[in-house]
Amino acid sequence: MIRISITAQAFEAISSTMPLGAVAYEAETTADGGRFIWIDRQASCQLDAMRRGDESYSDVILRISRLDATRRGRRRNPLTRR
């Protein structure tokens, strides 16, 4: 498992598409209100592969979430693509 920091908006995009308790995160927030989440190495590698230029993990999560919502007309989890 890998610990990453994401924005509150990216956290919402992930957590709103998964069952309660499915997102491993810490109760403590970052200085700007973001969250520390725990993801497996495969998810980390997938996020790294999708990054463009100087995008953060949050940028990737939000971009993929918007694309999925637009294409499918529904919200999907950007980490699992389900």
C-alpha atoms as a PDB file:
ATOM      1  CA  MET A   1       0.000   0.000   0.000  1.00  0.00           C
ATOM      2  CA  ILE A   2       1.173   3.514  -0.837  1.00  0.00           C
ATOM      3  CA  ARG A   3       0.129   6.686   0.966  1.00  0.00           C
ATOM      4  CA  ILE A   4      -0.647   9.687  -1.233  1.00  0.00           C
ATOM      5  CA  SER A   5      -2.150  13.100  -0.612  1.00  0.00           C
ATOM      6  CA  ILE A   6      -5.074  14.269  -2.740  1.00  0.00           C
ATOM      7  CA  THR A   7      -7.350  17.294  -2.693  1.00  0.00           C
ATOM      8  CA  ALA A   8     -10.762  17.277  -1.061  1.00  0.00           C
ATOM      9  CA  GLN A   9     -12.363  17.368  -4.530  1.00  0.00           C
ATOM     10  CA  ALA A  10     -10.410  14.323  -5.709  1.00  0.00           C
ATOM     11  CA  PHE A  11     -11.278  12.504  -2.484  1.00  0.00           C
ATOM     12  CA  GLU A  12     -14.964  13.235  -3.093  1.00  0.00           C
ATOM     13  CA  ALA A  13     -14.687  11.933  -6.663  1.00  0.00           C
ATOM     14  CA  ILE A  14     -13.281   8.642  -5.371  1.00  0.00           C
ATOM     15  CA  SER A  15     -15.339   8.178  -2.232  1.00  0.00           C
ATOM     16  CA  SER A  16     -18.666   9.007  -3.860  1.00  0.00           C
ATOM     17  CA  THR A  17     -18.270   6.087  -6.271  1.00  0.00           C
ATOM     18  CA  MET A  18     -17.338   3.424  -3.733  1.00  0.00           C
ATOM     19  CA  PRO A  19     -19.170   1.721  -0.892  1.00  0.00           C
ATOM     20  CA  LEU A  20     -18.731   3.127   2.600  1.00  0.00           C
ATOM     21  CA  GLY A  21     -15.415   1.979   4.043  1.00  0.00           C
ATOM     22  CA  ALA A  22     -13.895   1.024   0.691  1.00  0.00           C
ATOM     23  CA  VAL A  23     -11.522   4.008   0.558  1.00  0.00           C
ATOM     24  CA  ALA A  24      -8.664   3.729   3.057  1.00  0.00           C
ATOM     25  CA  TYR A  25      -7.905   7.215   4.327  1.00  0.00           C
ATOM     26  CA  GLU A  26      -6.554   8.933   7.384  1.00  0.00           C
ATOM     27  CA  ALA A  27      -8.728  11.081   9.628  1.00  0.00           C
ATOM     28  CA  GLU A  28      -6.121  13.847   9.621  1.00  0.00           C
ATOM     29  CA  THR A  29      -6.433  16.290   6.723  1.00  0.00           C
ATOM     30  CA  THR A  30      -3.668  18.190   4.960  1.00  0.00           C
ATOM     31  CA  ALA A  31      -3.075  21.898   5.566  1.00  0.00           C
ATOM     32  CA  ASP A  32      -5.287  22.753   2.578  1.00  0.00           C
ATOM     33  CA  GLY A  33      -8.096  20.348   3.516  1.00  0.00           C
ATOM     34  CA  GLY A  34      -6.987  17.411   1.375  1.00  0.00           C
ATOM     35  CA  ARG A  35      -6.791  13.799   2.457  1.00  0.00           C
ATOM     36  CA  PHE A  36      -4.132  11.158   2.793  1.00  0.00           C
ATOM     37  CA  ILE A  37      -5.343   7.950   1.167  1.00  0.00           C
ATOM     38  CA  TRP A  38      -3.811   4.505   0.847  1.00  0.00           C
ATOM     39  CA  ILE A  39      -3.796   2.816  -2.560  1.00  0.00           C
ATOM     40  CA  ASP A  40      -2.196  -0.376  -3.787  1.00  0.00           C
ATOM     41  CA  ARG A  41       0.923  -0.265  -5.954  1.00  0.00           C
ATOM     42  CA  GLN A  42      -1.032  -1.164  -9.115  1.00  0.00           C
ATOM     43  CA  ALA A  43      -3.354   1.835  -8.670  1.00  0.00           C
ATOM     44  CA  SER A  44      -0.319   4.055  -8.077  1.00  0.00           C
ATOM     45  CA  CYS A  45       1.306   2.808 -11.285  1.00  0.00           C
ATOM     46  CA  GLN A  46      -1.932   3.416 -13.204  1.00  0.00           C
ATOM     47  CA  LEU A  47      -2.156   6.984 -11.897  1.00  0.00           C
ATOM     48  CA  ASP A  48       1.499   7.585 -12.782  1.00  0.00           C
ATOM     49  CA  ALA A  49       0.902   6.307 -16.317  1.00  0.00           C
ATOM     50  CA  MET A  50      -2.074   8.648 -16.771  1.00  0.00           C
ATOM     51  CA  ARG A  51      -0.294  11.771 -15.528  1.00  0.00           C
ATOM     52  CA  ARG A  52       0.331  14.537 -18.051  1.00  0.00           C
ATOM     53  CA  GLY A  53       3.187  16.965 -17.587  1.00  0.00           C
ATOM     54  CA  ASP A  54       3.087  18.346 -14.080  1.00  0.00           C
ATOM     55  CA  GLU A  55      -0.319  16.940 -13.134  1.00  0.00           C
ATOM     56  CA  SER A  56      -0.829  15.842  -9.562  1.00  0.00           C
ATOM     57  CA  TYR A  57      -2.602  12.650  -8.580  1.00  0.00           C
ATOM     58  CA  SER A  58      -5.626  14.814  -7.783  1.00  0.00           C
ATOM     59  CA  ASP A  59      -5.578  16.331 -11.269  1.00  0.00           C
ATOM     60  CA  VAL A  60      -5.552  12.863 -12.832  1.00  0.00           C
ATOM     61  CA  ILE A  61      -8.359  11.584 -10.598  1.00  0.00           C
ATOM     62  CA  LEU A  62     -10.545  14.598 -11.376  1.00  0.00           C
ATOM     63  CA  ARG A  63      -9.825  14.451 -15.121  1.00  0.00           C
ATOM     64  CA  ILE A  64     -10.652  10.748 -15.330  1.00  0.00           C
ATOM     65  CA  SER A  65     -13.729  11.198 -13.152  1.00  0.00           C
ATOM     66  CA  ARG A  66     -15.037  13.965 -15.430  1.00  0.00           C
ATOM     67  CA  LEU A  67     -14.331  11.924 -18.563  1.00  0.00           C
ATOM     68  CA  ASP A  68     -16.076   8.868 -17.174  1.00  0.00           C
ATOM     69  CA  ALA A  69     -19.085  10.895 -16.034  1.00  0.00           C
ATOM     70  CA  THR A  70     -19.362  12.517 -19.456  1.00  0.00           C
ATOM     71  CA  ARG A  71     -18.918   9.320 -21.445  1.00  0.00           C
ATOM     72  CA  ARG A  72     -21.100   7.081 -19.343  1.00  0.00           C
ATOM     73  CA  GLY A  73     -23.578   9.527 -17.904  1.00  0.00           C
ATOM     74  CA  ARG A  74     -22.762   8.190 -14.455  1.00  0.00           C
ATOM     75  CA  ARG A  75     -20.014   8.439 -11.871  1.00  0.00           C
ATOM     76  CA  ARG A  76     -17.339   5.760 -11.778  1.00  0.00           C
ATOM     77  CA  ASN A  77     -14.354   5.275  -9.557  1.00  0.00           C
ATOM     78  CA  PRO A  78     -11.281   6.683 -11.336  1.00  0.00           C
ATOM     79  CA  LEU A  79      -8.939   4.264  -9.575  1.00  0.00           C
ATOM     80  CA  THR A  80     -10.772   1.042 -10.368  1.00  0.00           C
ATOM     81  CA  ARG A  81     -12.613   2.288 -13.470  1.00  0.00           C
ATOM     82  CA  ARG A  82     -15.744   0.486 -12.195  1.00  0.00           C
END
